[in-house]
Structures are given as C-alpha cells and as structure tokens.
Amino acid sequence: MVSLLATLHRHADEVSCCAFSPSLLATSSGDKTIRVYDTDDFSELPYSPLSGHGYGVHCCCFSACGAHLLSCSTDGSVVVWSSGTGEVTATLEHPGRSPLRVCALAPDSSLLLAGACDGTVALWDFCSRTLRSCSTASEASVVACCFSPCSQMFVSGCTHGDIKLWDTDMKLLHAQKDAHDLGVTCLSFAPTFNVDGCCVEFRLASCGQDSRVKVWSLPQHDGSVCALKLLHTLTSQSAPVLSCAFSSDGELVVSGSVDKSVAIYDASQGTLLYTLTQHNSVAQKHCVQ
C-alpha cells in the first residue's frame, strides 16, 4: 500500500534532488538552496533553507550516519553542511571550477566523489577534505555517479550514455557502452548484496533519456569484477527518467520521470507494482510510504 504523506511547496524553482537520512529529508533546487525537513511531520527545520551556492544546486546527499549533508552546484563546488546545525563545515572546489552535476559519499564516509560537466571526476579524502585525484572519465558531461556498498568501487554515467566502473584509484574496471540511448541520468547501487562463497553480487539501477530503467547484476569473483549483466529493462514510463533509487532492503526500485509519474518496481522480478501520478506541472516533491 502506498499513501501520500505530504506535499512540499517551499522551493522557488524546480527541485533537482531529494535525499533521506534516518530522520531528515533534504531537497535541492535551481533556486540555489537546500531545504531540510523532519521526517516525523515534514516540518521544515529552523535553519532551513541553506544558502551557500552561487548557482543552482544539482544534487544533495547525506552521509550514512546522517551527520553530514552534501550539495553540489553549477558554481563548481561541493558544500558540506552539518545536518544538526545547518552550518558549513567545508567547501570543496573542483580544480577546474567546472560545473558539478552530481556528488556522492562512500558508505563508509571515507571518500567524496563529484562528476563535472568537463567529463572529469573529482575524488576527495572526506576525513581530511583533501583532493586525491581529478581524472577524465568521459568525453561528455558526467551526470551520474555512486559508490558500491563496499566503498571500494564506484560507477559513473555520462550524457553519451556510457556506464563505467572504477576502483578508488581511478582504474577503469569495466565500461558498458551505450547503456542508455541519449544519455544516462542517474545511477544507484542497491545497499544490500549477495555473497556465495568467493562470489559477491551487487545490483545496480540506471536510468536515462531513453525513458528506461535498467537493473544490472555486477558479480565479483575472488576480488575480480566481471562485466555488468542486464537483468531487467523497465519501460512503464513514457518520457526521460531522471532519477532512480533502491529501497533500503534492495527489494524495490523507484524511478521518477518527466511524464510526471513515479514508478515502483519489484527489483528482483522487474515487475511494476505502483504508478504514482500526484505530480503536476508545478515543481513539487511528494513523499510516499
């Protein structure tokens, strides 16, 4: 059963991203702000909105413990906020000041990753806030990235439609060419994974401008990564799919589309469970249970 809990209208421009911690919801927007809500009643916190970026904010995410909130922007910076006070604790700038489209923090909070419009990926040591590397990942803009649950690998996606798998030393492990026609828009690893003897299997969801969501298997044998294997192609939405995410138990995949719908799928079977159509042409975010 899915029911509408709240409709939030606080942003003055389109909502670009939303992220949950154990107790908070954060939303970022083209209006240059991040707003933070208590998930008990969806009341906005006293320190919200957060204003520190000079241009629109493309992405936001929490650390696993919920203590840190991160955001990245066209201004070429990642801002680290205290989710308890709303104070800025660090500002990390892309070396070339290229606009940043996506940011991600490793599950163990060791590394921070950001994808840029110049095709580079910047990788920082999160504890020391120092830049480890800034390397070219694509000839096109990097608009999607996320870490594996083990924090030892990450994937990047670009506007050319490729998905690439890297280790944390920026060594390319696998490239999936033309995973999405017209470009990848979002990537999300399932937080859970399967272990069978010396084999570990991760699950990855991707979505793109081709109006599709794809669920992939990524097996790893004795520490060596195999190629991505396509498990499901989900086609219930009729316009570009801009976001996708797994549930905390890895059982569900949820996607949001330009056709104003949110689709909820069984991740293992690839079957559509619900289609939510409460969005209209006005920029807004719905929270579902």
Protein backbone atom coordinates (compact mmCIF):
# COMPACT_ATOMS: atom_id res chain seq x y z
CA MET A 1 0.00 0.00 0.00
CA VAL A 2 1.32 3.45 -0.95
CA SER A 3 -0.18 6.62 0.54
CA LEU A 4 0.61 10.29 0.13
CA LEU A 5 2.08 11.78 3.32
CA ALA A 6 2.89 15.35 2.38
CA THR A 7 3.28 17.80 -0.48
CA LEU A 8 6.07 20.35 -0.07
CA HIS A 9 5.94 23.65 -1.96
CA ARG A 10 8.80 25.66 -0.45
CA HIS A 11 11.26 25.92 -3.36
CA ALA A 12 11.03 28.80 -5.85
CA ASP A 13 12.41 26.76 -8.78
CA GLU A 14 12.48 23.14 -9.92
CA VAL A 15 13.51 20.51 -7.37
CA SER A 16 16.65 18.78 -8.64
CA CYS A 17 17.20 16.10 -6.00
CA CYS A 18 15.92 14.74 -2.71
CA ALA A 19 17.75 12.66 -0.12
CA PHE A 20 16.83 10.94 3.15
CA SER A 21 18.83 10.42 6.32
CA PRO A 22 17.44 8.31 9.19
CA SER A 23 15.47 11.35 10.41
CA LEU A 24 15.65 14.09 7.78
CA LEU A 25 14.64 14.84 4.20
CA ALA A 26 16.74 17.27 2.15
CA THR A 27 15.71 18.78 -1.20
CA SER A 28 17.89 20.81 -3.55
CA SER A 29 16.75 23.22 -6.23
CA GLY A 30 17.59 25.50 -9.09
CA ASP A 31 16.76 28.34 -6.70
CA LYS A 32 20.31 27.87 -5.21
CA THR A 33 19.05 26.49 -1.90
CA ILE A 34 18.72 23.23 0.02
CA ARG A 35 15.74 22.76 2.30
CA VAL A 36 15.69 20.30 5.20
CA TYR A 37 12.63 18.70 6.81
CA ASP A 38 11.94 16.49 9.80
CA THR A 39 10.54 13.17 8.51
CA ASP A 40 8.25 12.77 11.52
CA ASP A 41 5.87 15.53 10.38
CA PHE A 42 7.70 17.07 7.38
CA SER A 43 8.08 20.39 9.16
CA GLU A 44 10.97 22.49 7.89
CA LEU A 45 13.91 22.80 10.29
CA PRO A 46 14.64 26.23 11.80
CA TYR A 47 17.98 26.59 9.95
CA SER A 48 16.43 25.79 6.57
CA PRO A 49 16.81 26.90 3.80
CA LEU A 50 20.56 26.52 3.37
CA SER A 51 22.05 29.20 1.14
CA GLY A 52 25.70 28.90 0.18
CA HIS A 53 25.83 28.20 -3.54
CA GLY A 54 26.12 30.88 -6.20
CA TYR A 55 24.12 28.96 -8.80
CA GLY A 56 21.51 26.21 -8.93
CA VAL A 57 22.07 23.09 -6.81
CA HIS A 58 22.02 19.86 -8.83
CA CYS A 59 22.43 17.18 -6.17
CA CYS A 60 22.37 16.59 -2.42
CA CYS A 61 23.12 13.55 -0.25
CA PHE A 62 23.60 12.58 3.39
CA SER A 63 26.41 10.63 4.99
CA ALA A 64 25.40 7.16 6.18
CA CYS A 65 25.28 8.32 9.81
CA GLY A 66 23.20 11.35 8.86
CA ALA A 67 25.60 13.85 10.44
CA HIS A 68 26.70 15.44 7.16
CA LEU A 69 24.70 16.84 4.26
CA LEU A 70 26.48 17.45 0.97
CA SER A 71 25.42 19.51 -2.04
CA CYS A 72 26.97 20.38 -5.40
CA SER A 73 26.26 23.12 -7.87
CA THR A 74 26.92 24.79 -11.19
CA ASP A 75 29.29 27.03 -9.20
CA GLY A 76 31.82 24.16 -9.24
CA SER A 77 31.78 23.45 -5.51
CA VAL A 78 30.67 20.77 -3.07
CA VAL A 79 29.48 22.22 0.22
CA VAL A 80 29.49 20.07 3.36
CA TRP A 81 26.86 21.08 5.91
CA SER A 82 26.24 19.95 9.47
CA SER A 83 22.79 18.36 9.41
CA GLY A 84 22.43 19.22 13.09
CA THR A 85 23.05 22.95 12.84
CA GLY A 86 23.00 23.81 9.14
CA GLU A 87 26.48 25.31 9.38
CA VAL A 88 29.00 24.96 6.54
CA THR A 89 31.85 22.70 7.67
CA ALA A 90 33.77 22.59 4.37
CA THR A 91 33.66 23.88 0.80
CA LEU A 92 35.48 21.75 -1.77
CA GLU A 93 36.10 23.24 -5.20
CA HIS A 94 36.59 21.37 -8.46
CA PRO A 95 40.20 22.08 -9.58
CA GLY A 96 38.99 23.45 -12.92
CA ARG A 97 35.88 25.09 -11.41
CA SER A 98 33.80 23.06 -13.85
CA PRO A 99 30.08 22.95 -13.01
CA LEU A 100 29.30 19.89 -10.87
CA ARG A 101 26.26 17.81 -11.75
CA VAL A 102 26.37 15.06 -9.13
CA CYS A 103 28.07 14.20 -5.83
CA ALA A 104 28.23 11.03 -3.74
CA LEU A 105 29.75 9.99 -0.44
CA ALA A 106 31.10 6.48 0.12
CA PRO A 107 29.00 4.38 2.54
CA ASP A 108 31.93 4.32 4.98
CA SER A 109 32.35 8.12 4.58
CA SER A 110 35.98 7.73 3.50
CA LEU A 111 35.69 9.32 0.06
CA LEU A 112 33.69 12.03 -1.66
CA LEU A 113 33.03 11.94 -5.38
CA ALA A 114 31.76 14.60 -7.78
CA GLY A 115 31.06 14.46 -11.53
CA ALA A 116 31.66 17.52 -13.68
CA CYS A 117 30.49 18.98 -16.99
CA ASP A 118 34.03 18.79 -18.40
CA GLY A 119 33.93 14.98 -18.19
CA THR A 120 36.11 14.70 -15.11
CA VAL A 121 35.50 13.02 -11.78
CA ALA A 122 36.97 14.64 -8.67
CA LEU A 123 37.71 12.40 -5.69
CA TRP A 124 38.42 13.77 -2.22
CA ASP A 125 39.51 12.15 1.03
CA PHE A 126 36.49 13.09 3.11
CA CYS A 127 38.15 12.96 6.52
CA SER A 128 40.97 15.33 5.60
CA ARG A 129 38.93 17.21 2.93
CA THR A 130 41.91 16.90 0.56
CA LEU A 131 41.74 16.21 -3.18
CA ARG A 132 43.04 12.76 -4.11
CA SER A 133 42.57 12.97 -7.86
CA CYS A 134 40.68 14.68 -10.66
CA SER A 135 40.65 12.47 -13.73
CA THR A 136 38.87 12.38 -17.07
CA ALA A 137 36.10 9.80 -17.02
CA SER A 138 34.32 10.70 -20.24
CA GLU A 139 34.36 12.96 -23.28
CA ALA A 140 30.87 14.06 -22.23
CA SER A 141 29.47 15.53 -19.02
CA VAL A 142 29.46 13.20 -16.02
CA VAL A 143 25.92 13.48 -14.67
CA ALA A 144 25.61 10.34 -12.51
CA CYS A 145 27.82 8.51 -10.03
CA CYS A 146 27.54 6.36 -6.92
CA PHE A 147 29.70 4.12 -4.74
CA SER A 148 29.27 0.39 -4.29
CA PRO A 149 28.10 -0.73 -0.83
CA CYS A 150 31.65 -1.86 -0.01
CA SER A 151 33.04 1.64 -0.78
CA GLN A 152 35.79 0.09 -2.92
CA MET A 153 34.29 0.88 -6.34
CA PHE A 154 32.11 3.49 -7.97
CA VAL A 155 30.24 3.91 -11.23
CA SER A 156 29.93 6.99 -13.44
CA GLY A 157 27.41 7.78 -16.16
CA CYS A 158 27.60 10.41 -18.88
CA THR A 159 25.44 12.23 -21.40
CA HIS A 160 26.80 9.95 -24.15
CA GLY A 161 25.04 7.01 -22.47
CA ASP A 162 28.00 5.02 -21.16
CA ILE A 163 28.34 3.48 -17.68
CA LYS A 164 31.87 2.98 -16.35
CA LEU A 165 33.04 1.11 -13.25
CA TRP A 166 36.15 2.31 -11.42
CA ASP A 167 38.16 1.41 -8.37
CA THR A 168 39.01 4.18 -5.92
CA ASP A 169 42.40 4.70 -7.59
CA MET A 170 40.51 5.69 -10.75
CA LYS A 171 41.47 2.46 -12.53
CA LEU A 172 38.81 1.55 -15.10
CA LEU A 173 37.37 -1.88 -14.30
CA HIS A 174 34.59 -2.12 -16.86
CA ALA A 175 32.87 0.05 -19.49
CA GLN A 176 29.29 -0.53 -20.63
CA LYS A 177 28.97 1.35 -23.89
CA ASP A 178 25.61 2.86 -24.90
CA ALA A 179 23.82 1.64 -21.78
CA HIS A 180 21.15 4.29 -22.38
CA ASP A 181 20.40 5.93 -25.69
CA LEU A 182 20.73 9.75 -25.50
CA GLY A 183 22.41 9.62 -22.10
CA VAL A 184 22.46 8.27 -18.55
CA THR A 185 20.69 10.44 -15.97
CA CYS A 186 21.08 8.56 -12.67
CA LEU A 187 22.84 5.54 -11.14
CA SER A 188 22.08 3.78 -7.86
CA PHE A 189 23.62 0.71 -6.22
CA ALA A 190 21.39 -1.45 -4.04
CA PRO A 191 22.61 -1.08 -0.43
CA THR A 192 22.47 -4.86 0.03
CA PHE A 193 24.45 -7.54 -1.84
CA ASN A 194 24.60 -11.32 -2.10
CA VAL A 195 27.57 -13.45 -1.03
CA ASP A 196 28.01 -17.02 -2.25
CA GLY A 197 31.37 -18.45 -1.28
CA CYS A 198 34.03 -16.42 -3.10
CA CYS A 199 31.45 -14.64 -5.27
CA VAL A 200 29.80 -11.32 -4.37
CA GLU A 201 26.92 -9.97 -6.46
CA PHE A 202 25.97 -6.30 -6.44
CA ARG A 203 22.86 -4.82 -8.04
CA LEU A 204 22.87 -1.53 -9.93
CA ALA A 205 19.98 0.52 -11.29
CA SER A 206 20.40 3.04 -14.09
CA CYS A 207 18.01 5.31 -15.95
CA GLY A 208 18.23 7.66 -18.87
CA GLN A 209 16.88 9.89 -21.56
CA ASP A 210 15.58 6.79 -23.37
CA SER A 211 12.68 6.57 -20.86
CA ARG A 212 14.02 3.31 -19.45
CA VAL A 213 15.19 1.99 -16.11
CA LYS A 214 17.66 -0.90 -16.21
CA VAL A 215 18.59 -3.26 -13.40
CA TRP A 216 22.06 -4.80 -13.66
CA SER A 217 23.95 -7.55 -11.87
CA LEU A 218 27.62 -6.94 -11.09
CA PRO A 219 29.35 -10.16 -9.97
CA GLN A 220 32.78 -10.19 -8.37
CA HIS A 221 34.76 -13.45 -8.18
CA ASP A 222 37.79 -13.62 -5.88
CA GLY A 223 38.03 -9.85 -5.92
CA SER A 224 37.93 -9.59 -9.72
CA VAL A 225 34.99 -7.74 -11.23
CA CYS A 226 33.08 -9.27 -14.12
CA ALA A 227 31.06 -7.38 -16.72
CA LEU A 228 27.68 -5.88 -15.98
CA LYS A 229 24.83 -8.26 -16.79
CA LEU A 230 21.47 -6.77 -17.71
CA LEU A 231 18.67 -8.33 -15.64
CA HIS A 232 15.63 -6.14 -16.40
CA THR A 233 14.66 -3.27 -18.67
CA LEU A 234 11.70 -1.39 -17.18
CA THR A 235 9.60 0.57 -19.63
CA SER A 236 6.44 1.75 -17.86
CA GLN A 237 7.28 5.46 -18.15
CA SER A 238 6.79 7.41 -21.37
CA ALA A 239 9.37 10.19 -21.05
CA PRO A 240 13.01 10.55 -19.89
CA VAL A 241 13.58 9.01 -16.46
CA LEU A 242 15.67 11.42 -14.38
CA SER A 243 16.12 9.55 -11.09
CA CYS A 244 16.14 6.04 -9.68
CA ALA A 245 16.86 4.51 -6.29
CA PHE A 246 16.64 1.22 -4.41
CA SER A 247 14.79 0.80 -1.14
CA SER A 248 16.92 0.23 1.94
CA ASP A 249 16.39 -3.54 1.74
CA GLY A 250 17.12 -3.67 -2.01
CA GLU A 251 13.70 -5.18 -2.76
CA LEU A 252 12.24 -2.20 -4.62
CA VAL A 253 13.40 0.17 -7.37
CA VAL A 254 11.72 3.57 -7.63
CA SER A 255 12.04 5.94 -10.58
CA GLY A 256 10.85 9.45 -11.39
CA SER A 257 10.10 10.62 -14.92
CA VAL A 258 9.45 13.74 -16.98
CA ASP A 259 6.00 12.23 -17.65
CA LYS A 260 5.21 13.34 -14.04
CA SER A 261 4.96 9.78 -12.73
CA VAL A 262 6.85 7.84 -10.07
CA ALA A 263 7.08 4.10 -10.75
CA ILE A 264 7.75 1.46 -8.08
CA TYR A 265 9.05 -1.93 -9.23
CA ASP A 266 9.90 -5.26 -7.67
CA ALA A 267 13.69 -5.21 -8.14
CA SER A 268 14.11 -8.99 -8.38
CA GLN A 269 11.23 -9.71 -10.74
CA GLY A 270 11.29 -6.47 -12.70
CA THR A 271 7.51 -6.09 -12.34
CA LEU A 272 5.64 -2.82 -11.91
CA LEU A 273 3.94 -2.58 -8.52
CA TYR A 274 2.62 1.00 -8.38
CA THR A 275 2.47 4.12 -10.52
CA LEU A 276 2.10 7.39 -8.62
CA THR A 277 0.67 10.31 -10.57
CA GLN A 278 0.17 13.05 -7.98
CA HIS A 279 2.73 15.38 -9.57
CA ASN A 280 1.57 18.10 -11.94
CA SER A 281 3.39 20.74 -13.98
CA VAL A 282 4.21 22.74 -10.85
CA ALA A 283 7.60 21.85 -9.37
CA GLN A 284 6.93 19.95 -6.16
CA LYS A 285 8.04 16.89 -4.22
CA HIS A 286 5.80 14.14 -2.84
CA CYS A 287 6.87 11.81 -0.05
CA VAL A 288 5.46 8.29 -0.14
CA GLN A 289 5.28 5.44 2.32
